[in-house]
Amino acid sequence: LLNAWEARSPLAALTTVSKEAAPNTVYVSCYGFDEAMRILICDIKFGQTLKNLQAGQPEVSFLFHAPGIGAYQLKGTTDYANDGKQYEQGKTFAKPEATVRGVLAINITAIYKGSARIL
């Protein structure tokens, strides 16, 4: 997984689900791992994504592609912060001119490479 992470394309996809079970997928580019191996994603323009998270739908799917290696889907639960350690760490993945409204952390519960579960 770490080799694929290092070789990944810069855009990834984040999918959340509304209370009505409607999926919402957005591209994200300001993200990385923290020391606890959680994925931190900067909220620069979350719209429906943030609404879904605030509505109590904390499970998400994060998809990235590593050319020549494959596609990976990481599933997990989330924590959202707009201050504190998580927020400060997450902001380091954004461009200096970006306005980061908050940082989403994904606590990974499952990892898939293609259709095969590897964690």
PDB file of N, CA and C in Angstrom:
ATOM      1  N   LEU A   1       0.819  -1.199   0.000  1.00  0.00           N
ATOM      2  CA  LEU A   1       0.000   0.000   0.000  1.00  0.00           C
ATOM      3  C   LEU A   1       0.862   1.263   0.000  1.00  0.00           C
ATOM      4  N   LEU A   2       1.938   1.263   0.756  1.00  0.00           N
ATOM      5  CA  LEU A   2       2.764   2.471   0.830  1.00  0.00           C
ATOM      6  C   LEU A   2       3.420   2.795  -0.507  1.00  0.00           C
ATOM      7  N   ASN A   3       3.820   1.766  -1.277  1.00  0.00           N
ATOM      8  CA  ASN A   3       4.368   2.014  -2.610  1.00  0.00           C
ATOM      9  C   ASN A   3       3.320   2.651  -3.507  1.00  0.00           C
ATOM     10  N   ALA A   4       2.102   2.165  -3.438  1.00  0.00           N
ATOM     11  CA  ALA A   4       1.012   2.716  -4.238  1.00  0.00           C
ATOM     12  C   ALA A   4       0.722   4.156  -3.809  1.00  0.00           C
ATOM     13  N   TRP A   5       0.753   4.411  -2.505  1.00  0.00           N
ATOM     14  CA  TRP A   5       0.493   5.759  -1.999  1.00  0.00           C
ATOM     15  C   TRP A   5       1.533   6.730  -2.549  1.00  0.00           C
ATOM     16  N   GLU A   6       2.782   6.324  -2.558  1.00  0.00           N
ATOM     17  CA  GLU A   6       3.842   7.204  -3.067  1.00  0.00           C
ATOM     18  C   GLU A   6       3.716   7.447  -4.572  1.00  0.00           C
ATOM     19  N   ALA A   7       3.152   6.494  -5.305  1.00  0.00           N
ATOM     20  CA  ALA A   7       3.028   6.598  -6.759  1.00  0.00           C
ATOM     21  C   ALA A   7       1.659   7.120  -7.203  1.00  0.00           C
ATOM     22  N   ARG A   8       0.796   7.487  -6.277  1.00  0.00           N
ATOM     23  CA  ARG A   8      -0.590   7.852  -6.597  1.00  0.00           C
ATOM     24  C   ARG A   8      -0.698   9.090  -7.478  1.00  0.00           C
ATOM     25  N   SER A   9      -1.800   9.155  -8.201  1.00  0.00           N
ATOM     26  CA  SER A   9      -2.174  10.362  -8.929  1.00  0.00           C
ATOM     27  C   SER A   9      -2.569  11.412  -7.892  1.00  0.00           C
ATOM     28  N   PRO A  10      -2.404  12.707  -8.205  1.00  0.00           N
ATOM     29  CA  PRO A  10      -2.673  13.729  -7.184  1.00  0.00           C
ATOM     30  C   PRO A  10      -4.147  13.877  -6.793  1.00  0.00           C
ATOM     31  N   LEU A  11      -5.069  13.534  -7.686  1.00  0.00           N
ATOM     32  CA  LEU A  11      -6.489  13.633  -7.343  1.00  0.00           C
ATOM     33  C   LEU A  11      -7.004  12.303  -6.804  1.00  0.00           C
ATOM     34  N   ALA A  12      -7.807  12.389  -5.761  1.00  0.00           N
ATOM     35  CA  ALA A  12      -8.470  11.221  -5.196  1.00  0.00           C
ATOM     36  C   ALA A  12      -9.962  11.535  -5.139  1.00  0.00           C
ATOM     37  N   ALA A  13     -10.768  10.521  -4.883  1.00  0.00           N
ATOM     38  CA  ALA A  13     -12.211  10.700  -4.779  1.00  0.00           C
ATOM     39  C   ALA A  13     -12.666  10.356  -3.364  1.00  0.00           C
ATOM     40  N   LEU A  14     -13.543  11.199  -2.833  1.00  0.00           N
ATOM     41  CA  LEU A  14     -14.111  11.007  -1.502  1.00  0.00           C
ATOM     42  C   LEU A  14     -15.622  10.888  -1.658  1.00  0.00           C
ATOM     43  N   THR A  15     -16.192   9.812  -1.123  1.00  0.00           N
ATOM     44  CA  THR A  15     -17.634   9.606  -1.211  1.00  0.00           C
ATOM     45  C   THR A  15     -18.249   9.580   0.176  1.00  0.00           C
ATOM     46  N   THR A  16     -19.297  10.379   0.334  1.00  0.00           N
ATOM     47  CA  THR A  16     -20.107  10.384   1.547  1.00  0.00           C
ATOM     48  C   THR A  16     -21.535  10.001   1.143  1.00  0.00           C
ATOM     49  N   VAL A  17     -22.374   9.772   2.150  1.00  0.00           N
ATOM     50  CA  VAL A  17     -23.757   9.384   1.892  1.00  0.00           C
ATOM     51  C   VAL A  17     -24.675  10.253   2.751  1.00  0.00           C
ATOM     52  N   SER A  18     -25.771  10.728   2.152  1.00  0.00           N
ATOM     53  CA  SER A  18     -26.730  11.560   2.879  1.00  0.00           C
ATOM     54  C   SER A  18     -27.617  10.703   3.782  1.00  0.00           C
ATOM     55  N   LYS A  19     -28.411  11.372   4.619  1.00  0.00           N
ATOM     56  CA  LYS A  19     -29.380  10.651   5.458  1.00  0.00           C
ATOM     57  C   LYS A  19     -30.351   9.850   4.613  1.00  0.00           C
ATOM     58  N   GLU A  20     -30.613  10.339   3.396  1.00  0.00           N
ATOM     59  CA  GLU A  20     -31.543   9.666   2.486  1.00  0.00           C
ATOM     60  C   GLU A  20     -30.849   8.578   1.661  1.00  0.00           C
ATOM     61  N   ALA A  21     -29.608   8.279   1.981  1.00  0.00           N
ATOM     62  CA  ALA A  21     -28.800   7.245   1.319  1.00  0.00           C
ATOM     63  C   ALA A  21     -28.371   7.625  -0.097  1.00  0.00           C
ATOM     64  N   ALA A  22     -28.306   8.922  -0.397  1.00  0.00           N
ATOM     65  CA  ALA A  22     -27.827   9.380  -1.697  1.00  0.00           C
ATOM     66  C   ALA A  22     -26.316   9.597  -1.623  1.00  0.00           C
ATOM     67  N   PRO A  23     -25.551   8.927  -2.485  1.00  0.00           N
ATOM     68  CA  PRO A  23     -24.098   9.116  -2.453  1.00  0.00           C
ATOM     69  C   PRO A  23     -23.691  10.456  -3.044  1.00  0.00           C
ATOM     70  N   ASN A  24     -22.596  10.993  -2.557  1.00  0.00           N
ATOM     71  CA  ASN A  24     -22.014  12.234  -3.065  1.00  0.00           C
ATOM     72  C   ASN A  24     -20.512  12.018  -3.162  1.00  0.00           C
ATOM     73  N   THR A  25     -19.952  12.184  -4.362  1.00  0.00           N
ATOM     74  CA  THR A  25     -18.527  11.977  -4.574  1.00  0.00           C
ATOM     75  C   THR A  25     -17.890  13.266  -5.065  1.00  0.00           C
ATOM     76  N   VAL A  26     -16.744  13.622  -4.467  1.00  0.00           N
ATOM     77  CA  VAL A  26     -15.998  14.818  -4.859  1.00  0.00           C
ATOM     78  C   VAL A  26     -14.536  14.451  -5.045  1.00  0.00           C
ATOM     79  N   TYR A  27     -13.858  15.214  -5.894  1.00  0.00           N
ATOM     80  CA  TYR A  27     -12.411  15.082  -6.010  1.00  0.00           C
ATOM     81  C   TYR A  27     -11.760  15.856  -4.881  1.00  0.00           C
ATOM     82  N   VAL A  28     -10.665  15.317  -4.357  1.00  0.00           N
ATOM     83  CA  VAL A  28      -9.865  16.005  -3.341  1.00  0.00           C
ATOM     84  C   VAL A  28      -8.398  15.942  -3.762  1.00  0.00           C
ATOM     85  N   SER A  29      -7.671  17.005  -3.426  1.00  0.00           N
ATOM     86  CA  SER A  29      -6.248  17.030  -3.778  1.00  0.00           C
ATOM     87  C   SER A  29      -5.354  17.454  -2.614  1.00  0.00           C
ATOM     88  N   CYS A  30      -5.937  17.979  -1.554  1.00  0.00           N
ATOM     89  CA  CYS A  30      -5.162  18.414  -0.387  1.00  0.00           C
ATOM     90  C   CYS A  30      -5.366  17.401   0.730  1.00  0.00           C
ATOM     91  N   TYR A  31      -4.534  16.375   0.742  1.00  0.00           N
ATOM     92  CA  TYR A  31      -4.708  15.290   1.705  1.00  0.00           C
ATOM     93  C   TYR A  31      -3.376  14.589   1.948  1.00  0.00           C
ATOM     94  N   GLY A  32      -3.322  13.831   3.032  1.00  0.00           N
ATOM     95  CA  GLY A  32      -2.140  13.039   3.364  1.00  0.00           C
ATOM     96  C   GLY A  32      -2.399  12.247   4.637  1.00  0.00           C
ATOM     97  N   PHE A  33      -1.402  11.492   5.071  1.00  0.00           N
ATOM     98  CA  PHE A  33      -1.511  10.695   6.297  1.00  0.00           C
ATOM     99  C   PHE A  33      -0.975  11.475   7.487  1.00  0.00           C
ATOM    100  N   ASP A  34      -1.543  11.234   8.661  1.00  0.00           N
ATOM    101  CA  ASP A  34      -0.948  11.739   9.896  1.00  0.00           C
ATOM    102  C   ASP A  34      -0.177  10.604  10.568  1.00  0.00           C
ATOM    103  N   GLU A  35       0.379  10.856  11.747  1.00  0.00           N
ATOM    104  CA  GLU A  35       1.210   9.851  12.422  1.00  0.00           C
ATOM    105  C   GLU A  35       0.395   8.647  12.889  1.00  0.00           C
ATOM    106  N   ALA A  36      -0.914   8.791  13.010  1.00  0.00           N
ATOM    107  CA  ALA A  36      -1.782   7.677  13.415  1.00  0.00           C
ATOM    108  C   ALA A  36      -2.292   6.892  12.201  1.00  0.00           C
ATOM    109  N   MET A  37      -1.755   7.195  11.015  1.00  0.00           N
ATOM    110  CA  MET A  37      -2.139   6.554   9.755  1.00  0.00           C
ATOM    111  C   MET A  37      -3.613   6.803   9.418  1.00  0.00           C
ATOM    112  N   ARG A  38      -4.099   7.975   9.804  1.00  0.00           N
ATOM    113  CA  ARG A  38      -5.407   8.424   9.353  1.00  0.00           C
ATOM    114  C   ARG A  38      -5.182   9.293   8.120  1.00  0.00           C
ATOM    115  N   ILE A  39      -6.146   9.301   7.218  1.00  0.00           N
ATOM    116  CA  ILE A  39      -6.068  10.209   6.078  1.00  0.00           C
ATOM    117  C   ILE A  39      -6.675  11.532   6.516  1.00  0.00           C
ATOM    118  N   LEU A  40      -5.926  12.617   6.343  1.00  0.00           N
ATOM    119  CA  LEU A  40      -6.423  13.954   6.639  1.00  0.00           C
ATOM    120  C   LEU A  40      -6.724  14.638   5.314  1.00  0.00           C
ATOM    121  N   ILE A  41      -7.933  15.199   5.179  1.00  0.00           N
ATOM    122  CA  ILE A  41      -8.365  15.854   3.953  1.00  0.00           C
ATOM    123  C   ILE A  41      -8.819  17.270   4.293  1.00  0.00           C
ATOM    124  N   CYS A  42      -8.269  18.241   3.578  1.00  0.00           N
ATOM    125  CA  CYS A  42      -8.641  19.636   3.804  1.00  0.00           C
ATOM    126  C   CYS A  42     -10.011  19.939   3.220  1.00  0.00           C
ATOM    127  N   ASP A  43     -10.841  20.591   4.016  1.00  0.00           N
ATOM    128  CA  ASP A  43     -12.135  21.095   3.554  1.00  0.00           C
ATOM    129  C   ASP A  43     -11.915  22.509   3.039  1.00  0.00           C
ATOM    130  N   ILE A  44     -11.840  22.608   1.723  1.00  0.00           N
ATOM    131  CA  ILE A  44     -11.696  23.914   1.096  1.00  0.00           C
ATOM    132  C   ILE A  44     -13.033  24.342   0.499  1.00  0.00           C
ATOM    133  N   LYS A  45     -13.746  23.385  -0.082  1.00  0.00           N
ATOM    134  CA  LYS A  45     -15.036  23.691  -0.696  1.00  0.00           C
ATOM    135  C   LYS A  45     -16.056  22.577  -0.481  1.00  0.00           C
ATOM    136  N   PHE A  46     -16.006  21.901   0.663  1.00  0.00           N
ATOM    137  CA  PHE A  46     -17.020  20.874   0.923  1.00  0.00           C
ATOM    138  C   PHE A  46     -18.381  21.558   0.982  1.00  0.00           C
ATOM    139  N   GLY A  47     -19.326  21.045   0.253  1.00  0.00           N
ATOM    140  CA  GLY A  47     -20.704  21.517   0.299  1.00  0.00           C
ATOM    141  C   GLY A  47     -21.559  20.393   0.835  1.00  0.00           C
ATOM    142  N   GLN A  48     -22.079  19.574  -0.095  1.00  0.00           N
ATOM    143  CA  GLN A  48     -22.893  18.430   0.294  1.00  0.00           C
ATOM    144  C   GLN A  48     -22.091  17.449   1.151  1.00  0.00           C
ATOM    145  N   THR A  49     -20.794  17.358   0.895  1.00  0.00           N
ATOM    146  CA  THR A  49     -19.934  16.469   1.686  1.00  0.00           C
ATOM    147  C   THR A  49     -20.029  16.807   3.168  1.00  0.00           C
ATOM    148  N   LEU A  50     -19.895  18.083   3.492  1.00  0.00           N
ATOM    149  CA  LEU A  50     -19.956  18.501   4.892  1.00  0.00           C
ATOM    150  C   LEU A  50     -21.364  18.299   5.452  1.00  0.00           C
ATOM    151  N   LYS A  51     -22.383  18.578   4.659  1.00  0.00           N
ATOM    152  CA  LYS A  51     -23.760  18.354   5.116  1.00  0.00           C
ATOM    153  C   LYS A  51     -23.969  16.886   5.474  1.00  0.00           C
ATOM    154  N   ASN A  52     -23.450  15.996   4.633  1.00  0.00           N
ATOM    155  CA  ASN A  52     -23.595  14.565   4.908  1.00  0.00           C
ATOM    156  C   ASN A  52     -22.892  14.177   6.203  1.00  0.00           C
ATOM    157  N   LEU A  53     -21.698  14.704   6.415  1.00  0.00           N
ATOM    158  CA  LEU A  53     -20.954  14.391   7.633  1.00  0.00           C
ATOM    159  C   LEU A  53     -21.668  14.946   8.863  1.00  0.00           C
ATOM    160  N   GLN A  54     -22.203  16.157   8.752  1.00  0.00           N
ATOM    161  CA  GLN A  54     -22.898  16.777   9.877  1.00  0.00           C
ATOM    162  C   GLN A  54     -24.230  16.093  10.178  1.00  0.00           C
ATOM    163  N   ALA A  55     -24.789  15.412   9.193  1.00  0.00           N
ATOM    164  CA  ALA A  55     -26.067  14.720   9.380  1.00  0.00           C
ATOM    165  C   ALA A  55     -25.903  13.380  10.086  1.00  0.00           C
ATOM    166  N   GLY A  56     -24.682  13.080  10.492  1.00  0.00           N
ATOM    167  CA  GLY A  56     -24.468  11.848  11.244  1.00  0.00           C
ATOM    168  C   GLY A  56     -24.169  10.636  10.391  1.00  0.00           C
ATOM    169  N   GLN A  57     -23.665  10.869   9.186  1.00  0.00           N
ATOM    170  CA  GLN A  57     -23.274   9.766   8.306  1.00  0.00           C
ATOM    171  C   GLN A  57     -21.744   9.729   8.260  1.00  0.00           C
ATOM    172  N   PRO A  58     -21.105   9.182   9.275  1.00  0.00           N
ATOM    173  CA  PRO A  58     -19.651   9.295   9.406  1.00  0.00           C
ATOM    174  C   PRO A  58     -18.831   8.329   8.558  1.00  0.00           C
ATOM    175  N   GLU A  59     -19.461   7.344   7.909  1.00  0.00           N
ATOM    176  CA  GLU A  59     -18.680   6.392   7.120  1.00  0.00           C
ATOM    177  C   GLU A  59     -18.482   6.925   5.715  1.00  0.00           C
ATOM    178  N   VAL A  60     -17.233   6.825   5.230  1.00  0.00           N
ATOM    179  CA  VAL A  60     -16.885   7.355   3.916  1.00  0.00           C
ATOM    180  C   VAL A  60     -16.041   6.345   3.151  1.00  0.00           C
ATOM    181  N   SER A  61     -15.863   6.640   1.875  1.00  0.00           N
ATOM    182  CA  SER A  61     -14.996   5.857   1.003  1.00  0.00           C
ATOM    183  C   SER A  61     -14.031   6.818   0.333  1.00  0.00           C
ATOM    184  N   PHE A  62     -12.751   6.452   0.303  1.00  0.00           N
ATOM    185  CA  PHE A  62     -11.695   7.266  -0.291  1.00  0.00           C
ATOM    186  C   PHE A  62     -11.009   6.411  -1.344  1.00  0.00           C
ATOM    187  N   LEU A  63     -10.963   6.887  -2.567  1.00  0.00           N
ATOM    188  CA  LEU A  63     -10.411   6.113  -3.678  1.00  0.00           C
ATOM    189  C   LEU A  63      -9.237   6.860  -4.295  1.00  0.00           C
ATOM    190  N   PHE A  64      -8.106   6.146  -4.442  1.00  0.00           N
ATOM    191  CA  PHE A  64      -6.976   6.733  -5.164  1.00  0.00           C
ATOM    192  C   PHE A  64      -6.424   5.718  -6.149  1.00  0.00           C
ATOM    193  N   HIS A  65      -5.736   6.229  -7.161  1.00  0.00           N
ATOM    194  CA  HIS A  65      -5.185   5.379  -8.212  1.00  0.00           C
ATOM    195  C   HIS A  65      -3.679   5.602  -8.291  1.00  0.00           C
ATOM    196  N   ALA A  66      -2.952   4.516  -8.384  1.00  0.00           N
ATOM    197  CA  ALA A  66      -1.501   4.561  -8.571  1.00  0.00           C
ATOM    198  C   ALA A  66      -1.218   3.967  -9.958  1.00  0.00           C
ATOM    199  N   PRO A  67      -0.843   4.791 -10.930  1.00  0.00           N
ATOM    200  CA  PRO A  67      -0.590   4.275 -12.277  1.00  0.00           C
ATOM    201  C   PRO A  67       0.413   3.115 -12.260  1.00  0.00           C
ATOM    202  N   GLY A  68       0.069   2.054 -12.958  1.00  0.00           N
ATOM    203  CA  GLY A  68       0.932   0.887 -13.030  1.00  0.00           C
ATOM    204  C   GLY A  68       0.834  -0.045 -11.830  1.00  0.00           C
ATOM    205  N   ILE A  69       0.136   0.384 -10.791  1.00  0.00           N
ATOM    206  CA  ILE A  69       0.003  -0.436  -9.581  1.00  0.00           C
ATOM    207  C   ILE A  69      -1.446  -0.849  -9.357  1.00  0.00           C
ATOM    208  N   GLY A  70      -2.358   0.099  -9.424  1.00  0.00           N
ATOM    209  CA  GLY A  70      -3.770  -0.224  -9.269  1.00  0.00           C
ATOM    210  C   GLY A  70      -4.547   0.826  -8.515  1.00  0.00           C
ATOM    211  N   ALA A  71      -5.828   0.545  -8.343  1.00  0.00           N
ATOM    212  CA  ALA A  71      -6.728   1.432  -7.620  1.00  0.00           C
ATOM    213  C   ALA A  71      -6.964   0.879  -6.220  1.00  0.00           C
ATOM    214  N   TYR A  72      -7.041   1.775  -5.262  1.00  0.00           N
ATOM    215  CA  TYR A  72      -7.251   1.405  -3.863  1.00  0.00           C
ATOM    216  C   TYR A  72      -8.437   2.174  -3.308  1.00  0.00           C
ATOM    217  N   GLN A  73      -9.263   1.469  -2.543  1.00  0.00           N
ATOM    218  CA  GLN A  73     -10.378   2.088  -1.857  1.00  0.00           C
ATOM    219  C   GLN A  73     -10.173   1.886  -0.362  1.00  0.00           C
ATOM    220  N   LEU A  74     -10.201   2.985   0.366  1.00  0.00           N
ATOM    221  CA  LEU A  74     -10.061   2.937   1.816  1.00  0.00           C
ATOM    222  C   LEU A  74     -11.387   3.381   2.408  1.00  0.00           C
ATOM    223  N   LYS A  75     -11.942   2.570   3.280  1.00  0.00           N
ATOM    224  CA  LYS A  75     -13.205   2.898   3.932  1.00  0.00           C
ATOM    225  C   LYS A  75     -12.932   3.172   5.393  1.00  0.00           C
ATOM    226  N   GLY A  76     -13.762   4.024   5.969  1.00  0.00           N
ATOM    227  CA  GLY A  76     -13.573   4.302   7.378  1.00  0.00           C
ATOM    228  C   GLY A  76     -14.583   5.252   7.954  1.00  0.00           C
ATOM    229  N   THR A  77     -14.419   5.499   9.242  1.00  0.00           N
ATOM    230  CA  THR A  77     -15.238   6.466   9.959  1.00  0.00           C
ATOM    231  C   THR A  77     -14.473   7.777  10.019  1.00  0.00           C
ATOM    232  N   THR A  78     -15.178   8.839  10.370  1.00  0.00           N
ATOM    233  CA  THR A  78     -14.559  10.158  10.265  1.00  0.00           C
ATOM    234  C   THR A  78     -14.639  10.973  11.540  1.00  0.00           C
ATOM    235  N   ASP A  79     -13.723  11.925  11.601  1.00  0.00           N
ATOM    236  CA  ASP A  79     -13.730  12.996  12.600  1.00  0.00           C
ATOM    237  C   ASP A  79     -13.482  14.278  11.817  1.00  0.00           C
ATOM    238  N   TYR A  80     -14.204  15.343  12.146  1.00  0.00           N
ATOM    239  CA  TYR A  80     -14.043  16.626  11.470  1.00  0.00           C
ATOM    240  C   TYR A  80     -13.646  17.659  12.509  1.00  0.00           C
ATOM    241  N   ALA A  81     -12.641  18.479  12.181  1.00  0.00           N
ATOM    242  CA  ALA A  81     -12.192  19.510  13.120  1.00  0.00           C
ATOM    243  C   ALA A  81     -11.909  20.810  12.372  1.00  0.00           C
ATOM    244  N   ASN A  82     -12.233  21.926  13.023  1.00  0.00           N
ATOM    245  CA  ASN A  82     -11.861  23.216  12.443  1.00  0.00           C
ATOM    246  C   ASN A  82     -10.954  24.012  13.378  1.00  0.00           C
ATOM    247  N   ASP A  83     -10.336  23.296  14.314  1.00  0.00           N
ATOM    248  CA  ASP A  83      -9.260  23.851  15.132  1.00  0.00           C
ATOM    249  C   ASP A  83      -8.537  22.692  15.802  1.00  0.00           C
ATOM    250  N   GLY A  84      -7.458  22.981  16.476  1.00  0.00           N
ATOM    251  CA  GLY A  84      -6.718  21.948  17.188  1.00  0.00           C
ATOM    252  C   GLY A  84      -5.683  21.227  16.333  1.00  0.00           C
ATOM    253  N   LYS A  85      -5.116  20.158  16.914  1.00  0.00           N
ATOM    254  CA  LYS A  85      -4.010  19.430  16.301  1.00  0.00           C
ATOM    255  C   LYS A  85      -4.359  18.860  14.924  1.00  0.00           C
ATOM    256  N   GLN A  86      -5.523  18.188  14.810  1.00  0.00           N
ATOM    257  CA  GLN A  86      -5.926  17.605  13.527  1.00  0.00           C
ATOM    258  C   GLN A  86      -6.017  18.680  12.454  1.00  0.00           C
ATOM    259  N   TYR A  87      -6.617  19.808  12.809  1.00  0.00           N
ATOM    260  CA  TYR A  87      -6.766  20.913  11.863  1.00  0.00           C
ATOM    261  C   TYR A  87      -5.402  21.449  11.431  1.00  0.00           C
ATOM    262  N   GLU A  88      -4.524  21.667  12.384  1.00  0.00           N
ATOM    263  CA  GLU A  88      -3.194  22.217  12.068  1.00  0.00           C
ATOM    264  C   GLU A  88      -2.381  21.249  11.210  1.00  0.00           C
ATOM    265  N   GLN A  89      -2.438  19.951  11.531  1.00  0.00           N
ATOM    266  CA  GLN A  89      -1.722  18.958  10.725  1.00  0.00           C
ATOM    267  C   GLN A  89      -2.285  18.906   9.305  1.00  0.00           C
ATOM    268  N   GLY A  90      -3.593  18.875   9.200  1.00  0.00           N
ATOM    269  CA  GLY A  90      -4.232  18.783   7.894  1.00  0.00           C
ATOM    270  C   GLY A  90      -3.940  19.976   7.001  1.00  0.00           C
ATOM    271  N   LYS A  91      -3.877  21.161   7.588  1.00  0.00           N
ATOM    272  CA  LYS A  91      -3.605  22.366   6.801  1.00  0.00           C
ATOM    273  C   LYS A  91      -2.268  22.299   6.077  1.00  0.00           C
ATOM    274  N   THR A  92      -1.350  21.494   6.555  1.00  0.00           N
ATOM    275  CA  THR A  92      -0.038  21.402   5.907  1.00  0.00           C
ATOM    276  C   THR A  92      -0.120  20.765   4.523  1.00  0.00           C
ATOM    277  N   PHE A  93      -1.231  20.104   4.202  1.00  0.00           N
ATOM    278  CA  PHE A  93      -1.401  19.474   2.896  1.00  0.00           C
ATOM    279  C   PHE A  93      -2.015  20.424   1.861  1.00  0.00           C
ATOM    280  N   ALA A  94      -2.421  21.607   2.291  1.00  0.00           N
ATOM    281  CA  ALA A  94      -3.040  22.586   1.387  1.00  0.00           C
ATOM    282  C   ALA A  94      -2.002  23.579   0.871  1.00  0.00           C
ATOM    283  N   LYS A  95      -2.313  24.176  -0.256  1.00  0.00           N
ATOM    284  CA  LYS A  95      -1.474  25.261  -0.778  1.00  0.00           C
ATOM    285  C   LYS A  95      -1.598  26.447   0.175  1.00  0.00           C
ATOM    286  N   PRO A  96      -0.527  27.239   0.303  1.00  0.00           N
ATOM    287  CA  PRO A  96      -0.553  28.365   1.252  1.00  0.00           C
ATOM    288  C   PRO A  96      -1.694  29.348   1.025  1.00  0.00           C
ATOM    289  N   GLU A  97      -2.108  29.517  -0.214  1.00  0.00           N
ATOM    290  CA  GLU A  97      -3.168  30.484  -0.509  1.00  0.00           C
ATOM    291  C   GLU A  97      -4.584  29.934  -0.278  1.00  0.00           C
ATOM    292  N   ALA A  98      -4.704  28.649   0.024  1.00  0.00           N
ATOM    293  CA  ALA A  98      -6.018  28.027   0.226  1.00  0.00           C
ATOM    294  C   ALA A  98      -6.605  28.420   1.580  1.00  0.00           C
ATOM    295  N   THR A  99      -7.905  28.592   1.607  1.00  0.00           N
ATOM    296  CA  THR A  99      -8.622  28.816   2.856  1.00  0.00           C
ATOM    297  C   THR A  99      -9.187  27.472   3.309  1.00  0.00           C
ATOM    298  N   VAL A 100      -8.595  26.926   4.347  1.00  0.00           N
ATOM    299  CA  VAL A 100      -9.015  25.622   4.865  1.00  0.00           C
ATOM    300  C   VAL A 100     -10.050  25.861   5.955  1.00  0.00           C
ATOM    301  N   ARG A 101     -11.284  25.407   5.700  1.00  0.00           N
ATOM    302  CA  ARG A 101     -12.381  25.603   6.654  1.00  0.00           C
ATOM    303  C   ARG A 101     -12.377  24.556   7.752  1.00  0.00           C
ATOM    304  N   GLY A 102     -11.825  23.403   7.447  1.00  0.00           N
ATOM    305  CA  GLY A 102     -11.768  22.316   8.418  1.00  0.00           C
ATOM    306  C   GLY A 102     -10.946  21.183   7.849  1.00  0.00           C
ATOM    307  N   VAL A 103     -10.716  20.169   8.650  1.00  0.00           N
ATOM    308  CA  VAL A 103      -9.950  19.000   8.217  1.00  0.00           C
ATOM    309  C   VAL A 103     -10.709  17.743   8.626  1.00  0.00           C
ATOM    310  N   LEU A 104     -10.947  16.904   7.635  1.00  0.00           N
ATOM    311  CA  LEU A 104     -11.615  15.622   7.841  1.00  0.00           C
ATOM    312  C   LEU A 104     -10.555  14.552   8.038  1.00  0.00           C
ATOM    313  N   ALA A 105     -10.690  13.752   9.081  1.00  0.00           N
ATOM    314  CA  ALA A 105      -9.805  12.612   9.318  1.00  0.00           C
ATOM    315  C   ALA A 105     -10.590  11.336   9.067  1.00  0.00           C
ATOM    316  N   ILE A 106      -9.994  10.429   8.294  1.00  0.00           N
ATOM    317  CA  ILE A 106     -10.612   9.130   8.053  1.00  0.00           C
ATOM    318  C   ILE A 106      -9.843   8.086   8.857  1.00  0.00           C
ATOM    319  N   ASN A 107     -10.558   7.424   9.762  1.00  0.00           N
ATOM    320  CA  ASN A 107     -10.018   6.317  10.543  1.00  0.00           C
ATOM    321  C   ASN A 107     -10.274   5.055   9.728  1.00  0.00           C
ATOM    322  N   ILE A 108      -9.252   4.515   9.117  1.00  0.00           N
ATOM    323  CA  ILE A 108      -9.398   3.425   8.152  1.00  0.00           C
ATOM    324  C   ILE A 108      -9.853   2.139   8.825  1.00  0.00           C
ATOM    325  N   THR A 109     -10.937   1.568   8.288  1.00  0.00           N
ATOM    326  CA  THR A 109     -11.464   0.305   8.808  1.00  0.00           C
ATOM    327  C   THR A 109     -11.356  -0.825   7.790  1.00  0.00           C
ATOM    328  N   ALA A 110     -11.158  -0.490   6.510  1.00  0.00           N
ATOM    329  CA  ALA A 110     -11.030  -1.501   5.460  1.00  0.00           C
ATOM    330  C   ALA A 110     -10.255  -0.921   4.281  1.00  0.00           C
ATOM    331  N   ILE A 111      -9.459  -1.776   3.628  1.00  0.00           N
ATOM    332  CA  ILE A 111      -8.710  -1.376   2.449  1.00  0.00           C
ATOM    333  C   ILE A 111      -8.940  -2.426   1.364  1.00  0.00           C
ATOM    334  N   TYR A 112      -9.242  -1.940   0.155  1.00  0.00           N
ATOM    335  CA  TYR A 112      -9.445  -2.820  -0.992  1.00  0.00           C
ATOM    336  C   TYR A 112      -8.494  -2.417  -2.103  1.00  0.00           C
ATOM    337  N   LYS A 113      -7.929  -3.415  -2.783  1.00  0.00           N
ATOM    338  CA  LYS A 113      -7.205  -3.191  -4.026  1.00  0.00           C
ATOM    339  C   LYS A 113      -8.060  -3.853  -5.088  1.00  0.00           C
ATOM    340  N   GLY A 114      -8.665  -3.023  -5.939  1.00  0.00           N
ATOM    341  CA  GLY A 114      -9.662  -3.568  -6.845  1.00  0.00           C
ATOM    342  C   GLY A 114     -10.803  -4.110  -6.002  1.00  0.00           C
ATOM    343  N   SER A 115     -11.191  -5.354  -6.247  1.00  0.00           N
ATOM    344  CA  SER A 115     -12.290  -5.950  -5.465  1.00  0.00           C
ATOM    345  C   SER A 115     -11.789  -6.800  -4.293  1.00  0.00           C
ATOM    346  N   ALA A 116     -10.476  -6.918  -4.157  1.00  0.00           N
ATOM    347  CA  ALA A 116      -9.921  -7.758  -3.083  1.00  0.00           C
ATOM    348  C   ALA A 116      -9.688  -6.953  -1.806  1.00  0.00           C
ATOM    349  N   ARG A 117     -10.250  -7.432  -0.719  1.00  0.00           N
ATOM    350  CA  ARG A 117     -10.031  -6.769   0.576  1.00  0.00           C
ATOM    351  C   ARG A 117      -8.660  -7.183   1.088  1.00  0.00           C
ATOM    352  N   ILE A 118      -7.835  -6.184   1.418  1.00  0.00           N
ATOM    353  CA  ILE A 118      -6.487  -6.477   1.923  1.00  0.00           C
ATOM    354  C   ILE A 118      -6.338  -6.078   3.396  1.00  0.00           C
ATOM    355  N   LEU A 119      -7.347  -5.444   3.966  1.00  0.00           N
ATOM    356  CA  LEU A 119      -7.358  -5.145   5.408  1.00  0.00           C
ATOM    357  C   LEU A 119      -8.793  -5.110   5.885  1.00  0.00           C
TER     358      LEU A 119
END
